[in-house]
PDB file of N, CA and C in Angstrom:
ATOM      1  N   UNK A   1      21.425   7.247  -8.440  1.00  0.00           N
ATOM      2  CA  UNK A   1      19.996   6.782  -7.405  1.00  0.00           C
ATOM      3  C   UNK A   1      19.934   5.896  -7.542  1.00  0.00           C
ATOM      4  N   UNK A   2      19.111   5.276  -5.546  1.00  0.00           N
ATOM      5  CA  UNK A   2      19.088   3.831  -5.649  1.00  0.00           C
ATOM      6  C   UNK A   2      17.895   3.722  -5.381  1.00  0.00           C
ATOM      7  N   UNK A   3      17.335   2.761  -6.096  1.00  0.00           N
ATOM      8  CA  UNK A   3      15.943   1.666  -5.042  1.00  0.00           C
ATOM      9  C   UNK A   3      15.613   2.039  -4.212  1.00  0.00           C
ATOM     10  N   UNK A   4      14.626   2.743  -3.932  1.00  0.00           N
ATOM     11  CA  UNK A   4      14.078   2.636  -2.955  1.00  0.00           C
ATOM     12  C   UNK A   4      12.589   1.807  -2.853  1.00  0.00           C
ATOM     13  N   UNK A   5      11.822   0.873  -1.045  1.00  0.00           N
ATOM     14  CA  UNK A   5      10.927   0.308  -1.086  1.00  0.00           C
ATOM     15  C   UNK A   5      10.512   0.594   0.242  1.00  0.00           C
ATOM     16  N   UNK A   6       9.086   1.283   0.012  1.00  0.00           N
ATOM     17  CA  UNK A   6       7.857   1.417   0.745  1.00  0.00           C
ATOM     18  C   UNK A   6       7.239   0.716   1.621  1.00  0.00           C
ATOM     19  N   UNK A   7       7.121  -0.046   3.140  1.00  0.00           N
ATOM     20  CA  UNK A   7       6.862  -0.663   3.293  1.00  0.00           C
ATOM     21  C   UNK A   7       5.242  -0.449   3.888  1.00  0.00           C
ATOM     22  N   UNK A   8       4.299  -0.440   3.847  1.00  0.00           N
ATOM     23  CA  UNK A   8       2.854  -0.110   4.362  1.00  0.00           C
ATOM     24  C   UNK A   8       2.254  -1.717   5.217  1.00  0.00           C
ATOM     25  N   UNK A   9       2.105  -1.076   6.406  1.00  0.00           N
ATOM     26  CA  UNK A   9       2.118  -2.778   7.457  1.00  0.00           C
ATOM     27  C   UNK A   9       0.668  -2.257   8.191  1.00  0.00           C
ATOM     28  N   UNK A  10      -0.558  -3.581   7.354  1.00  0.00           N
ATOM     29  CA  UNK A  10      -1.650  -2.427   7.856  1.00  0.00           C
ATOM     30  C   UNK A  10      -2.365  -4.184   8.487  1.00  0.00           C
ATOM     31  N   UNK A  11      -2.689  -3.076   9.460  1.00  0.00           N
ATOM     32  CA  UNK A  11      -3.201  -4.448  11.010  1.00  0.00           C
ATOM     33  C   UNK A  11      -5.081  -4.756  10.381  1.00  0.00           C
ATOM     34  N   UNK A  12      -5.265  -5.635  10.587  1.00  0.00           N
ATOM     35  CA  UNK A  12      -6.731  -5.402  10.270  1.00  0.00           C
ATOM     36  C   UNK A  12      -7.383  -6.953  11.112  1.00  0.00           C
ATOM     37  N   UNK A  13      -8.712  -6.150  11.341  1.00  0.00           N
ATOM     38  CA  UNK A  13      -9.508  -7.542  12.110  1.00  0.00           C
ATOM     39  C   UNK A  13      -8.890  -9.037  11.970  1.00  0.00           C
ATOM     40  N   UNK A  14      -9.039  -9.406  12.833  1.00  0.00           N
ATOM     41  CA  UNK A  14      -8.429 -11.243  12.979  1.00  0.00           C
ATOM     42  C   UNK A  14      -9.862 -12.007  12.071  1.00  0.00           C
ATOM     43  N   UNK A  15      -9.070 -12.206  10.948  1.00  0.00           N
ATOM     44  CA  UNK A  15     -10.050 -13.084   9.604  1.00  0.00           C
ATOM     45  C   UNK A  15     -10.204 -12.498   8.266  1.00  0.00           C
ATOM     46  N   UNK A  16      -9.877 -11.351   7.963  1.00  0.00           N
ATOM     47  CA  UNK A  16     -10.487 -10.581   7.402  1.00  0.00           C
ATOM     48  C   UNK A  16      -8.889 -10.178   5.976  1.00  0.00           C
ATOM     49  N   UNK A  17      -7.315 -10.372   6.939  1.00  0.00           N
ATOM     50  CA  UNK A  17      -6.056 -10.150   6.279  1.00  0.00           C
ATOM     51  C   UNK A  17      -6.874 -10.902   4.561  1.00  0.00           C
ATOM     52  N   UNK A  18      -6.874 -11.629   4.153  1.00  0.00           N
ATOM     53  CA  UNK A  18      -6.915 -11.916   3.211  1.00  0.00           C
ATOM     54  C   UNK A  18      -8.268 -11.167   2.125  1.00  0.00           C
ATOM     55  N   UNK A  19      -9.454 -11.323   2.856  1.00  0.00           N
ATOM     56  CA  UNK A  19     -10.498  -9.698   2.570  1.00  0.00           C
ATOM     57  C   UNK A  19      -9.709  -8.669   1.677  1.00  0.00           C
ATOM     58  N   UNK A  20      -8.643  -8.596   2.647  1.00  0.00           N
ATOM     59  CA  UNK A  20      -8.129  -6.803   2.166  1.00  0.00           C
ATOM     60  C   UNK A  20      -7.085  -7.199   1.411  1.00  0.00           C
ATOM     61  N   UNK A  21      -6.050  -8.361   1.088  1.00  0.00           N
ATOM     62  CA  UNK A  21      -5.358  -8.151   0.499  1.00  0.00           C
ATOM     63  C   UNK A  21      -5.741  -8.541  -0.703  1.00  0.00           C
ATOM     64  N   UNK A  22      -6.932  -9.484  -1.185  1.00  0.00           N
ATOM     65  CA  UNK A  22      -7.439  -9.194  -2.404  1.00  0.00           C
ATOM     66  C   UNK A  22      -8.060  -8.004  -3.597  1.00  0.00           C
ATOM     67  N   UNK A  23      -7.786  -7.000  -2.189  1.00  0.00           N
ATOM     68  CA  UNK A  23      -8.132  -5.439  -2.578  1.00  0.00           C
ATOM     69  C   UNK A  23      -6.771  -5.128  -3.622  1.00  0.00           C
ATOM     70  N   UNK A  24      -6.032  -5.761  -3.390  1.00  0.00           N
ATOM     71  CA  UNK A  24      -4.350  -5.266  -4.097  1.00  0.00           C
ATOM     72  C   UNK A  24      -4.371  -6.258  -5.627  1.00  0.00           C
ATOM     73  N   UNK A  25      -4.985  -7.419  -5.410  1.00  0.00           N
ATOM     74  CA  UNK A  25      -4.275  -8.293  -6.388  1.00  0.00           C
ATOM     75  C   UNK A  25      -4.875  -7.582  -8.056  1.00  0.00           C
ATOM     76  N   UNK A  26      -6.075  -6.721  -8.361  1.00  0.00           N
ATOM     77  CA  UNK A  26      -5.719  -6.201  -9.705  1.00  0.00           C
ATOM     78  C   UNK A  26      -4.927  -4.754  -9.641  1.00  0.00           C
ATOM     79  N   UNK A  27      -4.145  -4.729 -10.717  1.00  0.00           N
ATOM     80  CA  UNK A  27      -2.938  -3.891 -10.928  1.00  0.00           C
ATOM     81  C   UNK A  27      -4.216  -2.561 -11.255  1.00  0.00           C
ATOM     82  N   UNK A  28      -3.112  -1.618  -9.967  1.00  0.00           N
ATOM     83  CA  UNK A  28      -4.269  -0.260 -10.083  1.00  0.00           C
ATOM     84  C   UNK A  28      -2.887   1.250 -10.529  1.00  0.00           C
ATOM     85  N   UNK A  29      -3.688   2.197 -10.579  1.00  0.00           N
ATOM     86  CA  UNK A  29      -3.305   3.545 -10.841  1.00  0.00           C
ATOM     87  C   UNK A  29      -1.529   2.928 -10.746  1.00  0.00           C
ATOM     88  N   UNK A  30      -0.899   3.197  -9.694  1.00  0.00           N
ATOM     89  CA  UNK A  30       0.691   2.982  -9.255  1.00  0.00           C
ATOM     90  C   UNK A  30       1.364   1.703 -10.117  1.00  0.00           C
ATOM     91  N   UNK A  31       0.785   1.090 -10.435  1.00  0.00           N
ATOM     92  CA  UNK A  31       1.461   0.208 -11.604  1.00  0.00           C
ATOM     93  C   UNK A  31       2.250   0.773 -12.877  1.00  0.00           C
ATOM     94  N   UNK A  32       1.321   1.896 -13.435  1.00  0.00           N
ATOM     95  CA  UNK A  32       1.436   2.860 -14.070  1.00  0.00           C
ATOM     96  C   UNK A  32       2.310   3.783 -13.929  1.00  0.00           C
ATOM     97  N   UNK A  33       2.790   4.441 -13.120  1.00  0.00           N
ATOM     98  CA  UNK A  33       3.422   5.636 -12.331  1.00  0.00           C
ATOM     99  C   UNK A  33       5.155   5.636 -12.841  1.00  0.00           C
ATOM    100  N   UNK A  34       5.688   6.287 -13.033  1.00  0.00           N
ATOM    101  CA  UNK A  34       7.187   6.909 -13.720  1.00  0.00           C
ATOM    102  C   UNK A  34       8.000   6.390 -12.026  1.00  0.00           C
ATOM    103  N   UNK A  35       8.694   5.273 -12.759  1.00  0.00           N
ATOM    104  CA  UNK A  35       9.153   5.167 -11.682  1.00  0.00           C
ATOM    105  C   UNK A  35       9.309   3.501 -10.691  1.00  0.00           C
ATOM    106  N   UNK A  36       8.070   2.874 -10.667  1.00  0.00           N
ATOM    107  CA  UNK A  36       7.270   2.200  -9.979  1.00  0.00           C
ATOM    108  C   UNK A  36       8.686   1.137 -10.865  1.00  0.00           C
ATOM    109  N   UNK A  37       8.597   0.074  -9.694  1.00  0.00           N
ATOM    110  CA  UNK A  37       9.412  -0.755  -9.900  1.00  0.00           C
ATOM    111  C   UNK A  37       9.098  -2.731  -9.718  1.00  0.00           C
ATOM    112  N   UNK A  38       8.342  -2.755  -8.380  1.00  0.00           N
ATOM    113  CA  UNK A  38       7.076  -3.558  -8.570  1.00  0.00           C
ATOM    114  C   UNK A  38       6.366  -3.774  -6.963  1.00  0.00           C
ATOM    115  N   UNK A  39       5.389  -4.284  -7.247  1.00  0.00           N
ATOM    116  CA  UNK A  39       4.810  -4.423  -5.971  1.00  0.00           C
ATOM    117  C   UNK A  39       4.504  -5.765  -5.425  1.00  0.00           C
ATOM    118  N   UNK A  40       5.108  -5.656  -3.746  1.00  0.00           N
ATOM    119  CA  UNK A  40       4.459  -7.386  -3.477  1.00  0.00           C
ATOM    120  C   UNK A  40       3.863  -7.229  -1.943  1.00  0.00           C
ATOM    121  N   UNK A  41       2.968  -8.134  -1.971  1.00  0.00           N
ATOM    122  CA  UNK A  41       1.580  -8.185  -0.689  1.00  0.00           C
ATOM    123  C   UNK A  41       1.985  -9.189   0.040  1.00  0.00           C
ATOM    124  N   UNK A  42       3.015  -9.217   1.279  1.00  0.00           N
ATOM    125  CA  UNK A  42       2.642 -10.215   2.313  1.00  0.00           C
ATOM    126  C   UNK A  42       1.714 -10.264   3.066  1.00  0.00           C
ATOM    127  N   UNK A  43       1.160 -11.351   4.115  1.00  0.00           N
ATOM    128  CA  UNK A  43       0.615 -11.648   4.787  1.00  0.00           C
ATOM    129  C   UNK A  43       1.202 -12.395   5.978  1.00  0.00           C
ATOM    130  N   UNK A  44       1.436 -11.858   7.169  1.00  0.00           N
ATOM    131  CA  UNK A  44       2.484 -12.301   8.246  1.00  0.00           C
ATOM    132  C   UNK A  44       1.023 -13.429   8.631  1.00  0.00           C
ATOM    133  N   UNK A  45       2.522 -14.463   9.276  1.00  0.00           N
ATOM    134  CA  UNK A  45       1.619 -15.299   9.695  1.00  0.00           C
ATOM    135  C   UNK A  45       1.496 -15.944  10.842  1.00  0.00           C
ATOM    136  N   UNK A  46       0.640 -16.679  11.754  1.00  0.00           N
ATOM    137  CA  UNK A  46       0.556 -17.071  13.198  1.00  0.00           C
ATOM    138  C   UNK A  46       0.636 -15.581  14.048  1.00  0.00           C
ATOM    139  N   UNK A  47       0.031 -14.964  13.539  1.00  0.00           N
ATOM    140  CA  UNK A  47      -0.586 -13.451  14.827  1.00  0.00           C
ATOM    141  C   UNK A  47      -2.277 -14.088  15.227  1.00  0.00           C
ATOM    142  N   UNK A  48      -1.650 -13.612  17.189  1.00  0.00           N
ATOM    143  CA  UNK A  48      -2.689 -14.125  17.525  1.00  0.00           C
ATOM    144  C   UNK A  48      -4.082 -12.838  17.255  1.00  0.00           C
ATOM    145  N   UNK A  49      -4.329 -11.570  17.301  1.00  0.00           N
ATOM    146  CA  UNK A  49      -5.664 -10.816  17.668  1.00  0.00           C
ATOM    147  C   UNK A  49      -5.913 -10.024  16.787  1.00  0.00           C
ATOM    148  N   UNK A  50      -5.287 -10.448  15.061  1.00  0.00           N
ATOM    149  CA  UNK A  50      -5.158  -9.045  14.649  1.00  0.00           C
ATOM    150  C   UNK A  50      -4.281  -9.925  12.993  1.00  0.00           C
ATOM    151  N   UNK A  51      -4.757  -9.784  11.908  1.00  0.00           N
ATOM    152  CA  UNK A  51      -4.468 -10.339  10.535  1.00  0.00           C
ATOM    153  C   UNK A  51      -3.210  -9.140  10.435  1.00  0.00           C
ATOM    154  N   UNK A  52      -2.154  -9.206  10.004  1.00  0.00           N
ATOM    155  CA  UNK A  52      -0.886  -8.191   9.475  1.00  0.00           C
ATOM    156  C   UNK A  52      -0.527  -8.457   7.961  1.00  0.00           C
ATOM    157  N   UNK A  53      -0.696  -7.431   6.857  1.00  0.00           N
ATOM    158  CA  UNK A  53      -0.119  -7.193   5.413  1.00  0.00           C
ATOM    159  C   UNK A  53       0.539  -5.900   5.312  1.00  0.00           C
ATOM    160  N   UNK A  54       1.389  -7.512   5.028  1.00  0.00           N
ATOM    161  CA  UNK A  54       2.710  -5.887   4.301  1.00  0.00           C
ATOM    162  C   UNK A  54       2.488  -5.694   3.155  1.00  0.00           C
ATOM    163  N   UNK A  55       2.514  -3.974   2.479  1.00  0.00           N
ATOM    164  CA  UNK A  55       2.472  -4.116   0.806  1.00  0.00           C
ATOM    165  C   UNK A  55       3.448  -3.176   1.123  1.00  0.00           C
ATOM    166  N   UNK A  56       4.170  -4.144   0.101  1.00  0.00           N
ATOM    167  CA  UNK A  56       5.539  -3.369  -0.574  1.00  0.00           C
ATOM    168  C   UNK A  56       5.560  -2.825  -1.806  1.00  0.00           C
ATOM    169  N   UNK A  57       6.272  -1.975  -2.045  1.00  0.00           N
ATOM    170  CA  UNK A  57       6.475  -0.613  -3.532  1.00  0.00           C
ATOM    171  C   UNK A  57       7.338  -0.978  -3.744  1.00  0.00           C
ATOM    172  N   UNK A  58       8.668  -0.830  -4.036  1.00  0.00           N
ATOM    173  CA  UNK A  58       9.386  -0.495  -5.054  1.00  0.00           C
ATOM    174  C   UNK A  58       9.980   0.252  -6.623  1.00  0.00           C
ATOM    175  N   UNK A  59      10.945   1.445  -5.731  1.00  0.00           N
ATOM    176  CA  UNK A  59      10.859   2.467  -6.702  1.00  0.00           C
ATOM    177  C   UNK A  59      12.646   2.373  -7.256  1.00  0.00           C
ATOM    178  N   UNK A  60      11.992   3.572  -8.340  1.00  0.00           N
ATOM    179  CA  UNK A  60      13.204   3.481  -8.787  1.00  0.00           C
ATOM    180  C   UNK A  60      14.456   4.265  -8.236  1.00  0.00           C
ATOM    181  N   UNK A  61      13.712   5.277  -7.544  1.00  0.00           N
ATOM    182  CA  UNK A  61      14.104   6.219  -6.631  1.00  0.00           C
ATOM    183  C   UNK A  61      13.025   6.779  -6.048  1.00  0.00           C
ATOM    184  N   UNK A  62      13.527   7.071  -4.265  1.00  0.00           N
ATOM    185  CA  UNK A  62      12.693   7.933  -3.713  1.00  0.00           C
ATOM    186  C   UNK A  62      11.604   9.039  -4.082  1.00  0.00           C
ATOM    187  N   UNK A  63      12.294   9.738  -5.565  1.00  0.00           N
ATOM    188  CA  UNK A  63      11.218  11.146  -5.605  1.00  0.00           C
ATOM    189  C   UNK A  63      10.325  10.459  -5.991  1.00  0.00           C
ATOM    190  N   UNK A  64      10.461   9.163  -7.146  1.00  0.00           N
ATOM    191  CA  UNK A  64       9.052   8.995  -7.935  1.00  0.00           C
ATOM    192  C   UNK A  64       8.119   8.218  -7.240  1.00  0.00           C
ATOM    193  N   UNK A  65       8.549   7.863  -6.059  1.00  0.00           N
ATOM    194  CA  UNK A  65       7.357   7.405  -4.577  1.00  0.00           C
ATOM    195  C   UNK A  65       7.211   8.476  -4.008  1.00  0.00           C
ATOM    196  N   UNK A  66       7.699  10.004  -3.966  1.00  0.00           N
ATOM    197  CA  UNK A  66       6.818  10.982  -3.405  1.00  0.00           C
ATOM    198  C   UNK A  66       6.189  11.579  -4.099  1.00  0.00           C
ATOM    199  N   UNK A  67       6.432  11.879  -5.587  1.00  0.00           N
ATOM    200  CA  UNK A  67       5.535  11.780  -6.710  1.00  0.00           C
ATOM    201  C   UNK A  67       4.056  11.421  -6.553  1.00  0.00           C
ATOM    202  N   UNK A  68       4.049  10.425  -6.701  1.00  0.00           N
ATOM    203  CA  UNK A  68       2.967   9.295  -6.766  1.00  0.00           C
ATOM    204  C   UNK A  68       2.284   9.331  -4.965  1.00  0.00           C
ATOM    205  N   UNK A  69       3.006   9.631  -4.128  1.00  0.00           N
ATOM    206  CA  UNK A  69       2.126   9.543  -1.992  1.00  0.00           C
ATOM    207  C   UNK A  69       1.345  11.726  -3.126  1.00  0.00           C
ATOM    208  N   UNK A  70       2.212  11.959  -3.209  1.00  0.00           N
ATOM    209  CA  UNK A  70       1.639  13.675  -3.593  1.00  0.00           C
ATOM    210  C   UNK A  70      -0.146  13.268  -4.438  1.00  0.00           C
ATOM    211  N   UNK A  71       0.335  12.829  -5.425  1.00  0.00           N
ATOM    212  CA  UNK A  71      -0.897  12.668  -6.852  1.00  0.00           C
ATOM    213  C   UNK A  71      -1.844  11.996  -6.003  1.00  0.00           C
ATOM    214  N   UNK A  72      -1.554  10.978  -5.253  1.00  0.00           N
ATOM    215  CA  UNK A  72      -2.683  10.037  -4.784  1.00  0.00           C
ATOM    216  C   UNK A  72      -2.897  10.948  -3.556  1.00  0.00           C
ATOM    217  N   UNK A  73      -2.916  11.497  -2.385  1.00  0.00           N
ATOM    218  CA  UNK A  73      -2.872  11.924  -1.498  1.00  0.00           C
ATOM    219  C   UNK A  73      -4.012  13.526  -2.159  1.00  0.00           C
ATOM    220  N   UNK A  74      -3.828  13.466  -3.476  1.00  0.00           N
ATOM    221  CA  UNK A  74      -4.773  15.018  -3.787  1.00  0.00           C
ATOM    222  C   UNK A  74      -6.097  14.001  -4.513  1.00  0.00           C
ATOM    223  N   UNK A  75      -6.157  12.779  -5.081  1.00  0.00           N
ATOM    224  CA  UNK A  75      -6.634  12.058  -5.508  1.00  0.00           C
ATOM    225  C   UNK A  75      -7.987  11.461  -4.597  1.00  0.00           C
ATOM    226  N   UNK A  76      -7.632  11.241  -3.518  1.00  0.00           N
ATOM    227  CA  UNK A  76      -8.243  10.536  -2.478  1.00  0.00           C
ATOM    228  C   UNK A  76      -8.764  11.910  -1.453  1.00  0.00           C
ATOM    229  N   UNK A  77      -8.345  13.325  -1.044  1.00  0.00           N
ATOM    230  CA  UNK A  77      -9.213  14.343  -0.811  1.00  0.00           C
ATOM    231  C   UNK A  77     -10.077  14.236  -1.840  1.00  0.00           C
ATOM    232  N   UNK A  78     -10.287  14.334  -3.381  1.00  0.00           N
ATOM    233  CA  UNK A  78     -11.209  14.826  -4.448  1.00  0.00           C
ATOM    234  C   UNK A  78     -12.453  13.610  -3.992  1.00  0.00           C
ATOM    235  N   UNK A  79     -11.837  12.282  -4.002  1.00  0.00           N
ATOM    236  CA  UNK A  79     -12.474  11.247  -3.396  1.00  0.00           C
ATOM    237  C   UNK A  79     -13.793  11.676  -2.570  1.00  0.00           C
ATOM    238  N   UNK A  80     -13.178  12.027  -1.474  1.00  0.00           N
ATOM    239  CA  UNK A  80     -13.464  11.996   0.009  1.00  0.00           C
ATOM    240  C   UNK A  80     -14.548  12.838   0.117  1.00  0.00           C
ATOM    241  N   UNK A  81     -14.170  14.471  -1.069  1.00  0.00           N
ATOM    242  CA  UNK A  81     -15.147  15.384  -0.395  1.00  0.00           C
ATOM    243  C   UNK A  81     -16.242  15.167  -1.182  1.00  0.00           C
ATOM    244  N   UNK A  82     -16.614  14.075  -2.711  1.00  0.00           N
ATOM    245  CA  UNK A  82     -17.342  13.995  -3.353  1.00  0.00           C
ATOM    246  C   UNK A  82     -18.330  13.087  -2.819  1.00  0.00           C
ATOM    247  N   UNK A  83     -17.302  12.451  -1.520  1.00  0.00           N
ATOM    248  CA  UNK A  83     -18.343  11.225  -0.697  1.00  0.00           C
ATOM    249  C   UNK A  83     -18.869  11.842  -0.187  1.00  0.00           C
ATOM    250  N   UNK A  84     -18.486  12.448   1.063  1.00  0.00           N
ATOM    251  CA  UNK A  84     -19.295  13.656   1.837  1.00  0.00           C
ATOM    252  C   UNK A  84     -20.344  13.971   1.231  1.00  0.00           C
ATOM    253  N   UNK A  85     -19.920  14.322   0.139  1.00  0.00           N
ATOM    254  CA  UNK A  85     -21.492  15.628  -0.678  1.00  0.00           C
ATOM    255  C   UNK A  85     -22.295  14.570  -0.426  1.00  0.00           C
ATOM    256  N   UNK A  86     -22.093  12.967  -1.012  1.00  0.00           N
ATOM    257  CA  UNK A  86     -23.075  12.388  -1.275  1.00  0.00           C
ATOM    258  C   UNK A  86     -23.919  11.421  -0.177  1.00  0.00           C
ATOM    259  N   UNK A  87     -23.493  11.654   0.606  1.00  0.00           N
ATOM    260  CA  UNK A  87     -23.318  10.877   2.234  1.00  0.00           C
ATOM    261  C   UNK A  87     -24.526   9.955   2.104  1.00  0.00           C
ATOM    262  N   UNK A  88     -24.844   9.432   1.860  1.00  0.00           N
ATOM    263  CA  UNK A  88     -26.390   8.744   2.275  1.00  0.00           C
ATOM    264  C   UNK A  88     -26.127   7.621   3.210  1.00  0.00           C
ATOM    265  N   UNK A  89     -26.844   7.308   4.611  1.00  0.00           N
ATOM    266  CA  UNK A  89     -26.956   6.301   5.315  1.00  0.00           C
ATOM    267  C   UNK A  89     -25.554   5.948   5.779  1.00  0.00           C
ATOM    268  N   UNK A  90     -25.531   4.795   6.623  1.00  0.00           N
ATOM    269  CA  UNK A  90     -24.267   4.404   7.441  1.00  0.00           C
ATOM    270  C   UNK A  90     -22.798   3.804   6.157  1.00  0.00           C
ATOM    271  N   UNK A  91     -21.813   3.949   6.383  1.00  0.00           N
ATOM    272  CA  UNK A  91     -20.539   4.011   5.526  1.00  0.00           C
ATOM    273  C   UNK A  91     -20.674   2.763   5.890  1.00  0.00           C
ATOM    274  N   UNK A  92     -19.980   1.556   4.668  1.00  0.00           N
ATOM    275  CA  UNK A  92     -19.499   0.536   5.221  1.00  0.00           C
ATOM    276  C   UNK A  92     -18.346   0.335   6.060  1.00  0.00           C
ATOM    277  N   UNK A  93     -18.562  -0.740   7.159  1.00  0.00           N
ATOM    278  CA  UNK A  93     -17.696  -1.346   8.120  1.00  0.00           C
ATOM    279  C   UNK A  93     -16.253  -1.069   7.443  1.00  0.00           C
ATOM    280  N   UNK A  94     -15.037  -0.874   7.735  1.00  0.00           N
ATOM    281  CA  UNK A  94     -13.235  -0.696   7.375  1.00  0.00           C
ATOM    282  C   UNK A  94     -13.528  -1.771   8.585  1.00  0.00           C
ATOM    283  N   UNK A  95     -12.372  -2.796   8.075  1.00  0.00           N
ATOM    284  CA  UNK A  95     -12.106  -3.672   9.057  1.00  0.00           C
ATOM    285  C   UNK A  95     -10.498  -3.480   9.410  1.00  0.00           C
ATOM    286  N   UNK A  96     -10.033  -2.607   8.446  1.00  0.00           N
ATOM    287  CA  UNK A  96      -8.617  -1.896   8.605  1.00  0.00           C
ATOM    288  C   UNK A  96      -8.211  -1.100  10.094  1.00  0.00           C
ATOM    289  N   UNK A  97      -7.462  -2.007  10.984  1.00  0.00           N
ATOM    290  CA  UNK A  97      -7.499  -1.287  12.603  1.00  0.00           C
ATOM    291  C   UNK A  97      -6.123  -0.315  12.616  1.00  0.00           C
ATOM    292  N   UNK A  98      -5.285  -0.277  11.834  1.00  0.00           N
ATOM    293  CA  UNK A  98      -3.773   0.828  11.596  1.00  0.00           C
ATOM    294  C   UNK A  98      -3.309   0.473  10.467  1.00  0.00           C
ATOM    295  N   UNK A  99      -2.715   1.820  10.628  1.00  0.00           N
ATOM    296  CA  UNK A  99      -1.209   1.976   8.835  1.00  0.00           C
ATOM    297  C   UNK A  99      -0.039   2.112   9.441  1.00  0.00           C
ATOM    298  N   UNK A 100       0.930   1.994   8.843  1.00  0.00           N
ATOM    299  CA  UNK A 100       2.126   2.412   9.337  1.00  0.00           C
ATOM    300  C   UNK A 100       3.149   2.348   7.968  1.00  0.00           C
ATOM    301  N   UNK A 101       3.884   3.420   7.984  1.00  0.00           N
ATOM    302  CA  UNK A 101       4.777   3.621   6.770  1.00  0.00           C
ATOM    303  C   UNK A 101       5.934   3.738   7.104  1.00  0.00           C
ATOM    304  N   UNK A 102       6.872   2.899   6.023  1.00  0.00           N
ATOM    305  CA  UNK A 102       8.561   2.837   6.152  1.00  0.00           C
ATOM    306  C   UNK A 102       8.893   3.320   5.394  1.00  0.00           C
ATOM    307  N   UNK A 103       9.775   3.821   5.109  1.00  0.00           N
ATOM    308  CA  UNK A 103      11.026   3.880   4.069  1.00  0.00           C
ATOM    309  C   UNK A 103      12.158   2.966   3.800  1.00  0.00           C
ATOM    310  N   UNK A 104      12.841   2.272   2.749  1.00  0.00           N
ATOM    311  CA  UNK A 104      13.962   1.850   3.229  1.00  0.00           C
ATOM    312  C   UNK A 104      14.505   1.855   1.712  1.00  0.00           C
ATOM    313  N   UNK A 105      16.112   2.839   1.692  1.00  0.00           N
ATOM    314  CA  UNK A 105      16.891   2.248   0.402  1.00  0.00           C
ATOM    315  C   UNK A 105      17.521   1.145   0.357  1.00  0.00           C
ATOM    316  N   UNK A 106      17.933   0.417  -1.100  1.00  0.00           N
ATOM    317  CA  UNK A 106      18.470  -0.606  -1.136  1.00  0.00           C
ATOM    318  C   UNK A 106      20.239  -0.127  -1.083  1.00  0.00           C
ATOM    319  N   UNK A 107      20.800  -0.729  -0.157  1.00  0.00           N
ATOM    320  CA  UNK A 107      22.041  -0.363   0.010  1.00  0.00           C
ATOM    321  C   UNK A 107      23.043  -1.815  -0.776  1.00  0.00           C
ATOM    322  N   UNK A 108      21.902  -3.075  -1.175  1.00  0.00           N
ATOM    323  CA  UNK A 108      22.876  -4.616  -1.381  1.00  0.00           C
ATOM    324  C   UNK A 108      21.711  -5.034  -1.726  1.00  0.00           C
ATOM    325  N   UNK A 109      21.887  -5.614  -3.004  1.00  0.00           N
ATOM    326  CA  UNK A 109      21.242  -6.502  -3.824  1.00  0.00           C
ATOM    327  C   UNK A 109      21.451  -7.126  -4.870  1.00  0.00           C
ATOM    328  N   UNK A 110      21.247  -8.824  -4.905  1.00  0.00           N
ATOM    329  CA  UNK A 110      21.832  -9.757  -4.952  1.00  0.00           C
ATOM    330  C   UNK A 110      20.372 -10.567  -6.317  1.00  0.00           C
ATOM    331  N   UNK A 111      20.894 -10.585  -7.325  1.00  0.00           N
ATOM    332  CA  UNK A 111      19.901 -11.052  -8.105  1.00  0.00           C
ATOM    333  C   UNK A 111      20.388 -12.446  -8.564  1.00  0.00           C
ATOM    334  N   UNK A 112      19.730 -13.467  -9.265  1.00  0.00           N
ATOM    335  CA  UNK A 112      20.023 -14.966  -9.785  1.00  0.00           C
ATOM    336  C   UNK A 112      21.339 -14.629 -10.470  1.00  0.00           C
ATOM    337  N   UNK A 113      21.829 -15.662  -9.877  1.00  0.00           N
ATOM    338  CA  UNK A 113      22.758 -15.912 -11.267  1.00  0.00           C
ATOM    339  C   UNK A 113      22.699 -15.818 -12.837  1.00  0.00           C
ATOM    340  N   UNK A 114      23.367 -15.960 -13.614  1.00  0.00           N
ATOM    341  CA  UNK A 114      23.032 -15.833 -14.872  1.00  0.00           C
ATOM    342  C   UNK A 114      23.398 -17.348 -15.485  1.00  0.00           C
TER     343      UNK A 114
END
């Protein structure tokens, strides 16, 4: 088994990065999922036309990440179906412009000396 990290790059309307980052401030179900190690949210500095967040989750092994993604996809589909059924008025504005997911396997890791 080797740890892996998933990095979701989220491009957001300029000036909305902190607002979107705040959505990740409170722990959600991913934090209790088997194999989850940690989450970090980074905001790229000095971008000109958009804000950019990197949501990084580290897992004990890729299989845990895959299981979490599958479970999350099912949950999101249920929520979307319920929202469509109860649709009233205009949906709220979403400042997210695009997302891109990449995964990385940990090959070398150095921890602080004891």
